[in-house]
């Protein structure tokens, strides 16, 4: 996943439960999320995976130094493994 960097979208959490994955991340803009998900689906680690749950919410990011806090979107994906999914 680190091979496909994407500006404005990042993952905060990856959990494995057997072949099932839970992904949580942040995005600066809602428009950035669909292309990022398409990139993830093109990776071999996601072969045979199918997303069945997607949730989206807002969060204020902490400011550093004199910067103002920024709003970001939190997203959560729960794919269900299919044929070819890797544990």
PDB file of N, CA and C in Angstrom:
ATOM      1  N   UNK A   1       0.813  -1.188   0.000  1.00  0.00           N
ATOM      2  CA  UNK A   1       0.000   0.000   0.000  1.00  0.00           C
ATOM      3  C   UNK A   1       0.859   1.255   0.000  1.00  0.00           C
ATOM      4  N   UNK A   2       2.026   1.149   0.597  1.00  0.00           N
ATOM      5  CA  UNK A   2       2.925   2.302   0.609  1.00  0.00           C
ATOM      6  C   UNK A   2       3.494   2.572  -0.780  1.00  0.00           C
ATOM      7  N   UNK A   3       3.386   1.595  -1.682  1.00  0.00           N
ATOM      8  CA  UNK A   3       3.893   1.792  -3.041  1.00  0.00           C
ATOM      9  C   UNK A   3       3.035   2.766  -3.835  1.00  0.00           C
ATOM     10  N   UNK A   4       1.823   3.021  -3.398  1.00  0.00           N
ATOM     11  CA  UNK A   4       0.893   3.869  -4.133  1.00  0.00           C
ATOM     12  C   UNK A   4       0.538   5.089  -3.293  1.00  0.00           C
ATOM     13  N   UNK A   5       1.441   6.048  -3.167  1.00  0.00           N
ATOM     14  CA  UNK A   5       1.133   7.217  -2.342  1.00  0.00           C
ATOM     15  C   UNK A   5       0.011   8.045  -2.953  1.00  0.00           C
ATOM     16  N   UNK A   6      -0.759   8.657  -2.100  1.00  0.00           N
ATOM     17  CA  UNK A   6      -1.861   9.495  -2.548  1.00  0.00           C
ATOM     18  C   UNK A   6      -1.904  10.733  -1.667  1.00  0.00           C
ATOM     19  N   UNK A   7      -1.871  11.885  -2.283  1.00  0.00           N
ATOM     20  CA  UNK A   7      -1.919  13.133  -1.520  1.00  0.00           C
ATOM     21  C   UNK A   7      -3.319  13.335  -0.978  1.00  0.00           C
ATOM     22  N   UNK A   8      -3.380  13.715   0.278  1.00  0.00           N
ATOM     23  CA  UNK A   8      -4.659  14.058   0.874  1.00  0.00           C
ATOM     24  C   UNK A   8      -5.455  12.897   1.425  1.00  0.00           C
ATOM     25  N   UNK A   9      -4.959  11.665   1.307  1.00  0.00           N
ATOM     26  CA  UNK A   9      -5.644  10.483   1.847  1.00  0.00           C
ATOM     27  C   UNK A   9      -4.590   9.586   2.483  1.00  0.00           C
ATOM     28  N   UNK A  10      -4.893   9.069   3.664  1.00  0.00           N
ATOM     29  CA  UNK A  10      -3.946   8.169   4.325  1.00  0.00           C
ATOM     30  C   UNK A  10      -4.696   7.195   5.220  1.00  0.00           C
ATOM     31  N   UNK A  11      -4.052   6.071   5.497  1.00  0.00           N
ATOM     32  CA  UNK A  11      -4.612   5.063   6.398  1.00  0.00           C
ATOM     33  C   UNK A  11      -4.030   5.253   7.789  1.00  0.00           C
ATOM     34  N   UNK A  12      -4.890   5.164   8.796  1.00  0.00           N
ATOM     35  CA  UNK A  12      -4.477   5.250  10.200  1.00  0.00           C
ATOM     36  C   UNK A  12      -4.432   3.881  10.860  1.00  0.00           C
ATOM     37  N   UNK A  13      -5.220   2.944  10.325  1.00  0.00           N
ATOM     38  CA  UNK A  13      -5.363   1.656  11.001  1.00  0.00           C
ATOM     39  C   UNK A  13      -5.621   0.562   9.968  1.00  0.00           C
ATOM     40  N   UNK A  14      -4.913  -0.537  10.126  1.00  0.00           N
ATOM     41  CA  UNK A  14      -5.141  -1.740   9.330  1.00  0.00           C
ATOM     42  C   UNK A  14      -5.175  -2.896  10.315  1.00  0.00           C
ATOM     43  N   UNK A  15      -6.282  -3.624  10.328  1.00  0.00           N
ATOM     44  CA  UNK A  15      -6.430  -4.782  11.219  1.00  0.00           C
ATOM     45  C   UNK A  15      -6.741  -6.005  10.393  1.00  0.00           C
ATOM     46  N   UNK A  16      -6.117  -7.115  10.742  1.00  0.00           N
ATOM     47  CA  UNK A  16      -6.403  -8.379  10.081  1.00  0.00           C
ATOM     48  C   UNK A  16      -7.083  -9.305  11.072  1.00  0.00           C
ATOM     49  N   UNK A  17      -8.163  -9.906  10.622  1.00  0.00           N
ATOM     50  CA  UNK A  17      -8.884 -10.927  11.380  1.00  0.00           C
ATOM     51  C   UNK A  17      -9.007 -12.122  10.442  1.00  0.00           C
ATOM     52  N   UNK A  18      -7.975 -12.962  10.416  1.00  0.00           N
ATOM     53  CA  UNK A  18      -7.919 -14.016   9.407  1.00  0.00           C
ATOM     54  C   UNK A  18      -7.708 -13.356   8.057  1.00  0.00           C
ATOM     55  N   UNK A  19      -8.568 -13.654   7.103  1.00  0.00           N
ATOM     56  CA  UNK A  19      -8.473 -13.045   5.773  1.00  0.00           C
ATOM     57  C   UNK A  19      -9.279 -11.753   5.686  1.00  0.00           C
ATOM     58  N   UNK A  20      -9.982 -11.423   6.738  1.00  0.00           N
ATOM     59  CA  UNK A  20     -10.817 -10.216   6.745  1.00  0.00           C
ATOM     60  C   UNK A  20      -9.994  -9.017   7.211  1.00  0.00           C
ATOM     61  N   UNK A  21     -10.159  -7.875   6.539  1.00  0.00           N
ATOM     62  CA  UNK A  21      -9.419  -6.658   6.870  1.00  0.00           C
ATOM     63  C   UNK A  21     -10.361  -5.550   7.297  1.00  0.00           C
ATOM     64  N   UNK A  22      -9.874  -4.737   8.203  1.00  0.00           N
ATOM     65  CA  UNK A  22     -10.551  -3.511   8.599  1.00  0.00           C
ATOM     66  C   UNK A  22      -9.580  -2.377   8.307  1.00  0.00           C
ATOM     67  N   UNK A  23     -10.022  -1.367   7.580  1.00  0.00           N
ATOM     68  CA  UNK A  23      -9.186  -0.217   7.243  1.00  0.00           C
ATOM     69  C   UNK A  23      -9.855   1.051   7.737  1.00  0.00           C
ATOM     70  N   UNK A  24      -9.080   1.924   8.358  1.00  0.00           N
ATOM     71  CA  UNK A  24      -9.573   3.237   8.752  1.00  0.00           C
ATOM     72  C   UNK A  24      -8.573   4.270   8.272  1.00  0.00           C
ATOM     73  N   UNK A  25      -9.086   5.389   7.782  1.00  0.00           N
ATOM     74  CA  UNK A  25      -8.194   6.419   7.274  1.00  0.00           C
ATOM     75  C   UNK A  25      -8.810   7.795   7.327  1.00  0.00           C
ATOM     76  N   UNK A  26      -8.068   8.754   6.795  1.00  0.00           N
ATOM     77  CA  UNK A  26      -8.476  10.157   6.781  1.00  0.00           C
ATOM     78  C   UNK A  26      -8.296  10.697   5.369  1.00  0.00           C
ATOM     79  N   UNK A  27      -9.073  11.732   5.061  1.00  0.00           N
ATOM     80  CA  UNK A  27      -8.956  12.404   3.767  1.00  0.00           C
ATOM     81  C   UNK A  27      -9.211  13.885   3.959  1.00  0.00           C
ATOM     82  N   UNK A  28      -8.510  14.689   3.183  1.00  0.00           N
ATOM     83  CA  UNK A  28      -8.697  16.132   3.230  1.00  0.00           C
ATOM     84  C   UNK A  28      -9.999  16.502   2.532  1.00  0.00           C
ATOM     85  N   UNK A  29     -10.353  15.762   1.486  1.00  0.00           N
ATOM     86  CA  UNK A  29     -11.556  16.068   0.717  1.00  0.00           C
ATOM     87  C   UNK A  29     -12.257  14.781   0.301  1.00  0.00           C
ATOM     88  N   UNK A  30     -13.576  14.815   0.245  1.00  0.00           N
ATOM     89  CA  UNK A  30     -14.365  13.639  -0.130  1.00  0.00           C
ATOM     90  C   UNK A  30     -14.036  13.166  -1.542  1.00  0.00           C
ATOM     91  N   UNK A  31     -13.682  14.083  -2.429  1.00  0.00           N
ATOM     92  CA  UNK A  31     -13.368  13.727  -3.816  1.00  0.00           C
ATOM     93  C   UNK A  31     -12.117  12.866  -3.929  1.00  0.00           C
ATOM     94  N   UNK A  32     -11.254  12.901  -2.922  1.00  0.00           N
ATOM     95  CA  UNK A  32     -10.013  12.125  -2.957  1.00  0.00           C
ATOM     96  C   UNK A  32     -10.213  10.653  -2.597  1.00  0.00           C
ATOM     97  N   UNK A  33     -11.316  10.327  -1.942  1.00  0.00           N
ATOM     98  CA  UNK A  33     -11.507   8.965  -1.433  1.00  0.00           C
ATOM     99  C   UNK A  33     -11.755   7.939  -2.539  1.00  0.00           C
ATOM    100  N   UNK A  34     -12.689   8.153  -3.492  1.00  0.00           N
ATOM    101  CA  UNK A  34     -12.913   7.118  -4.523  1.00  0.00           C
ATOM    102  C   UNK A  34     -11.667   6.741  -5.328  1.00  0.00           C
ATOM    103  N   UNK A  35     -10.838   7.716  -5.799  1.00  0.00           N
ATOM    104  CA  UNK A  35      -9.624   7.295  -6.515  1.00  0.00           C
ATOM    105  C   UNK A  35      -8.664   6.498  -5.628  1.00  0.00           C
ATOM    106  N   UNK A  36      -8.593   6.846  -4.351  1.00  0.00           N
ATOM    107  CA  UNK A  36      -7.723   6.125  -3.422  1.00  0.00           C
ATOM    108  C   UNK A  36      -8.206   4.682  -3.264  1.00  0.00           C
ATOM    109  N   UNK A  37      -9.513   4.497  -3.128  1.00  0.00           N
ATOM    110  CA  UNK A  37     -10.060   3.149  -2.995  1.00  0.00           C
ATOM    111  C   UNK A  37      -9.822   2.338  -4.262  1.00  0.00           C
ATOM    112  N   UNK A  38      -9.906   2.982  -5.412  1.00  0.00           N
ATOM    113  CA  UNK A  38      -9.608   2.293  -6.673  1.00  0.00           C
ATOM    114  C   UNK A  38      -8.155   1.838  -6.705  1.00  0.00           C
ATOM    115  N   UNK A  39      -7.247   2.683  -6.207  1.00  0.00           N
ATOM    116  CA  UNK A  39      -5.832   2.300  -6.137  1.00  0.00           C
ATOM    117  C   UNK A  39      -5.648   1.089  -5.236  1.00  0.00           C
ATOM    118  N   UNK A  40      -6.319   1.101  -4.085  1.00  0.00           N
ATOM    119  CA  UNK A  40      -6.193  -0.031  -3.163  1.00  0.00           C
ATOM    120  C   UNK A  40      -6.683  -1.317  -3.814  1.00  0.00           C
ATOM    121  N   UNK A  41      -7.813  -1.242  -4.507  1.00  0.00           N
ATOM    122  CA  UNK A  41      -8.381  -2.444  -5.123  1.00  0.00           C
ATOM    123  C   UNK A  41      -7.489  -3.010  -6.221  1.00  0.00           C
ATOM    124  N   UNK A  42      -6.599  -2.201  -6.775  1.00  0.00           N
ATOM    125  CA  UNK A  42      -5.704  -2.690  -7.825  1.00  0.00           C
ATOM    126  C   UNK A  42      -4.477  -3.410  -7.257  1.00  0.00           C
ATOM    127  N   UNK A  43      -4.282  -3.364  -5.951  1.00  0.00           N
ATOM    128  CA  UNK A  43      -3.124  -4.006  -5.318  1.00  0.00           C
ATOM    129  C   UNK A  43      -3.362  -5.501  -5.118  1.00  0.00           C
ATOM    130  N   UNK A  44      -2.304  -6.324  -5.239  1.00  0.00           N
ATOM    131  CA  UNK A  44      -2.459  -7.768  -5.044  1.00  0.00           C
ATOM    132  C   UNK A  44      -2.979  -8.136  -3.656  1.00  0.00           C
ATOM    133  N   UNK A  45      -2.671  -7.325  -2.654  1.00  0.00           N
ATOM    134  CA  UNK A  45      -3.137  -7.606  -1.287  1.00  0.00           C
ATOM    135  C   UNK A  45      -4.661  -7.592  -1.189  1.00  0.00           C
ATOM    136  N   UNK A  46      -5.319  -6.956  -2.148  1.00  0.00           N
ATOM    137  CA  UNK A  46      -6.774  -6.847  -2.123  1.00  0.00           C
ATOM    138  C   UNK A  46      -7.447  -7.758  -3.141  1.00  0.00           C
ATOM    139  N   UNK A  47      -6.680  -8.643  -3.780  1.00  0.00           N
ATOM    140  CA  UNK A  47      -7.257  -9.562  -4.763  1.00  0.00           C
ATOM    141  C   UNK A  47      -8.356 -10.388  -4.101  1.00  0.00           C
ATOM    142  N   UNK A  48      -9.524 -10.401  -4.696  1.00  0.00           N
ATOM    143  CA  UNK A  48     -10.645 -11.175  -4.167  1.00  0.00           C
ATOM    144  C   UNK A  48     -11.410 -10.495  -3.056  1.00  0.00           C
ATOM    145  N   UNK A  49     -11.002  -9.307  -2.645  1.00  0.00           N
ATOM    146  CA  UNK A  49     -11.700  -8.595  -1.572  1.00  0.00           C
ATOM    147  C   UNK A  49     -12.883  -7.820  -2.153  1.00  0.00           C
ATOM    148  N   UNK A  50     -13.917  -7.692  -1.346  1.00  0.00           N
ATOM    149  CA  UNK A  50     -15.114  -6.962  -1.740  1.00  0.00           C
ATOM    150  C   UNK A  50     -15.527  -6.137  -0.534  1.00  0.00           C
ATOM    151  N   UNK A  51     -15.677  -4.834  -0.710  1.00  0.00           N
ATOM    152  CA  UNK A  51     -16.068  -3.974   0.405  1.00  0.00           C
ATOM    153  C   UNK A  51     -17.566  -4.088   0.648  1.00  0.00           C
ATOM    154  N   UNK A  52     -17.943  -4.311   1.891  1.00  0.00           N
ATOM    155  CA  UNK A  52     -19.362  -4.428   2.215  1.00  0.00           C
ATOM    156  C   UNK A  52     -19.826  -3.347   3.181  1.00  0.00           C
ATOM    157  N   UNK A  53     -18.899  -2.615   3.763  1.00  0.00           N
ATOM    158  CA  UNK A  53     -19.273  -1.566   4.709  1.00  0.00           C
ATOM    159  C   UNK A  53     -18.349  -0.375   4.521  1.00  0.00           C
ATOM    160  N   UNK A  54     -18.952   0.804   4.400  1.00  0.00           N
ATOM    161  CA  UNK A  54     -18.191   2.045   4.270  1.00  0.00           C
ATOM    162  C   UNK A  54     -18.874   3.084   5.138  1.00  0.00           C
ATOM    163  N   UNK A  55     -18.123   3.716   6.031  1.00  0.00           N
ATOM    164  CA  UNK A  55     -18.689   4.801   6.838  1.00  0.00           C
ATOM    165  C   UNK A  55     -17.788   6.020   6.718  1.00  0.00           C
ATOM    166  N   UNK A  56     -18.396   7.190   6.884  1.00  0.00           N
ATOM    167  CA  UNK A  56     -17.705   8.454   6.682  1.00  0.00           C
ATOM    168  C   UNK A  56     -18.131   9.421   7.770  1.00  0.00           C
ATOM    169  N   UNK A  57     -17.182  10.166   8.318  1.00  0.00           N
ATOM    170  CA  UNK A  57     -17.478  11.164   9.347  1.00  0.00           C
ATOM    171  C   UNK A  57     -16.468  12.296   9.295  1.00  0.00           C
ATOM    172  N   UNK A  58     -16.697  13.339  10.084  1.00  0.00           N
ATOM    173  CA  UNK A  58     -15.789  14.492  10.125  1.00  0.00           C
ATOM    174  C   UNK A  58     -14.994  14.483  11.422  1.00  0.00           C
ATOM    175  N   UNK A  59     -13.785  15.049  11.334  1.00  0.00           N
ATOM    176  CA  UNK A  59     -12.928  15.152  12.517  1.00  0.00           C
ATOM    177  C   UNK A  59     -12.055  16.391  12.374  1.00  0.00           C
ATOM    178  N   UNK A  60     -11.793  17.057  13.487  1.00  0.00           N
ATOM    179  CA  UNK A  60     -10.884  18.198  13.493  1.00  0.00           C
ATOM    180  C   UNK A  60      -9.487  17.697  13.826  1.00  0.00           C
ATOM    181  N   UNK A  61      -8.538  18.011  12.942  1.00  0.00           N
ATOM    182  CA  UNK A  61      -7.143  17.613  13.163  1.00  0.00           C
ATOM    183  C   UNK A  61      -6.459  18.634  14.052  1.00  0.00           C
ATOM    184  N   UNK A  62      -5.614  18.188  14.937  1.00  0.00           N
ATOM    185  CA  UNK A  62      -4.875  19.084  15.821  1.00  0.00           C
ATOM    186  C   UNK A  62      -3.933  19.968  15.023  1.00  0.00           C
ATOM    187  N   UNK A  63      -3.830  21.204  15.448  1.00  0.00           N
ATOM    188  CA  UNK A  63      -2.920  22.148  14.801  1.00  0.00           C
ATOM    189  C   UNK A  63      -1.516  21.990  15.374  1.00  0.00           C
ATOM    190  N   UNK A  64      -0.527  22.291  14.555  1.00  0.00           N
ATOM    191  CA  UNK A  64       0.870  22.269  14.981  1.00  0.00           C
ATOM    192  C   UNK A  64       1.390  23.695  14.910  1.00  0.00           C
ATOM    193  N   UNK A  65       1.999  24.147  15.991  1.00  0.00           N
ATOM    194  CA  UNK A  65       2.538  25.512  16.016  1.00  0.00           C
ATOM    195  C   UNK A  65       1.429  26.544  15.922  1.00  0.00           C
ATOM    196  N   UNK A  66       1.588  27.497  15.016  1.00  0.00           N
ATOM    197  CA  UNK A  66       0.611  28.565  14.848  1.00  0.00           C
ATOM    198  C   UNK A  66      -0.495  28.216  13.858  1.00  0.00           C
ATOM    199  N   UNK A  67      -0.443  27.038  13.277  1.00  0.00           N
ATOM    200  CA  UNK A  67      -1.454  26.654  12.289  1.00  0.00           C
ATOM    201  C   UNK A  67      -2.820  26.498  12.949  1.00  0.00           C
ATOM    202  N   UNK A  68      -3.852  26.727  12.162  1.00  0.00           N
ATOM    203  CA  UNK A  68      -5.222  26.550  12.650  1.00  0.00           C
ATOM    204  C   UNK A  68      -5.611  25.082  12.514  1.00  0.00           C
ATOM    205  N   UNK A  69      -6.488  24.600  13.409  1.00  0.00           N
ATOM    206  CA  UNK A  69      -6.984  23.228  13.256  1.00  0.00           C
ATOM    207  C   UNK A  69      -7.685  23.075  11.905  1.00  0.00           C
ATOM    208  N   UNK A  70      -7.578  21.881  11.306  1.00  0.00           N
ATOM    209  CA  UNK A  70      -8.204  21.619  10.010  1.00  0.00           C
ATOM    210  C   UNK A  70      -9.245  20.529  10.140  1.00  0.00           C
ATOM    211  N   UNK A  71     -10.264  20.640   9.315  1.00  0.00           N
ATOM    212  CA  UNK A  71     -11.281  19.597   9.238  1.00  0.00           C
ATOM    213  C   UNK A  71     -10.809  18.515   8.273  1.00  0.00           C
ATOM    214  N   UNK A  72     -11.095  17.284   8.597  1.00  0.00           N
ATOM    215  CA  UNK A  72     -10.782  16.161   7.712  1.00  0.00           C
ATOM    216  C   UNK A  72     -11.933  15.166   7.782  1.00  0.00           C
ATOM    217  N   UNK A  73     -11.966  14.272   6.828  1.00  0.00           N
ATOM    218  CA  UNK A  73     -12.973  13.219   6.794  1.00  0.00           C
ATOM    219  C   UNK A  73     -12.344  11.918   7.266  1.00  0.00           C
ATOM    220  N   UNK A  74     -13.048  11.208   8.127  1.00  0.00           N
ATOM    221  CA  UNK A  74     -12.618   9.879   8.563  1.00  0.00           C
ATOM    222  C   UNK A  74     -13.421   8.870   7.754  1.00  0.00           C
ATOM    223  N   UNK A  75     -12.768   7.811   7.294  1.00  0.00           N
ATOM    224  CA  UNK A  75     -13.512   6.757   6.617  1.00  0.00           C
ATOM    225  C   UNK A  75     -13.107   5.403   7.173  1.00  0.00           C
ATOM    226  N   UNK A  76     -14.019   4.457   7.037  1.00  0.00           N
ATOM    227  CA  UNK A  76     -13.806   3.105   7.558  1.00  0.00           C
ATOM    228  C   UNK A  76     -14.339   2.116   6.523  1.00  0.00           C
ATOM    229  N   UNK A  77     -13.519   1.124   6.195  1.00  0.00           N
ATOM    230  CA  UNK A  77     -13.878   0.096   5.220  1.00  0.00           C
ATOM    231  C   UNK A  77     -13.761  -1.278   5.844  1.00  0.00           C
ATOM    232  N   UNK A  78     -14.753  -2.104   5.590  1.00  0.00           N
ATOM    233  CA  UNK A  78     -14.701  -3.490   6.033  1.00  0.00           C
ATOM    234  C   UNK A  78     -14.942  -4.388   4.833  1.00  0.00           C
ATOM    235  N   UNK A  79     -13.874  -4.916   4.231  1.00  0.00           N
ATOM    236  CA  UNK A  79     -14.054  -5.836   3.116  1.00  0.00           C
ATOM    237  C   UNK A  79     -14.300  -7.261   3.607  1.00  0.00           C
ATOM    238  N   UNK A  80     -15.021  -8.015   2.814  1.00  0.00           N
ATOM    239  CA  UNK A  80     -15.230  -9.434   3.090  1.00  0.00           C
ATOM    240  C   UNK A  80     -14.382 -10.206   2.092  1.00  0.00           C
ATOM    241  N   UNK A  81     -13.579 -11.161   2.556  1.00  0.00           N
ATOM    242  CA  UNK A  81     -12.720 -11.888   1.624  1.00  0.00           C
ATOM    243  C   UNK A  81     -13.526 -12.752   0.664  1.00  0.00           C
ATOM    244  N   UNK A  82     -13.053 -12.808  -0.562  1.00  0.00           N
ATOM    245  CA  UNK A  82     -13.627 -13.695  -1.567  1.00  0.00           C
ATOM    246  C   UNK A  82     -12.548 -14.646  -2.026  1.00  0.00           C
ATOM    247  N   UNK A  83     -12.744 -15.241  -3.157  1.00  0.00           N
ATOM    248  CA  UNK A  83     -11.718 -16.148  -3.683  1.00  0.00           C
ATOM    249  C   UNK A  83     -10.431 -15.380  -3.928  1.00  0.00           C
ATOM    250  N   UNK A  84      -9.331 -15.939  -3.545  1.00  0.00           N
ATOM    251  CA  UNK A  84      -8.032 -15.320  -3.774  1.00  0.00           C
ATOM    252  C   UNK A  84      -7.598 -14.380  -2.671  1.00  0.00           C
ATOM    253  N   UNK A  85      -8.443 -14.151  -1.658  1.00  0.00           N
ATOM    254  CA  UNK A  85      -8.054 -13.259  -0.561  1.00  0.00           C
ATOM    255  C   UNK A  85      -6.913 -13.887   0.208  1.00  0.00           C
ATOM    256  N   UNK A  86      -5.978 -13.054   0.621  1.00  0.00           N
ATOM    257  CA  UNK A  86      -4.805 -13.543   1.354  1.00  0.00           C
ATOM    258  C   UNK A  86      -4.986 -13.306   2.844  1.00  0.00           C
ATOM    259  N   UNK A  87      -4.705 -14.288   3.698  1.00  0.00           N
ATOM    260  CA  UNK A  87      -4.832 -14.079   5.151  1.00  0.00           C
ATOM    261  C   UNK A  87      -3.780 -13.136   5.679  1.00  0.00           C
TER     262      UNK A  87
END
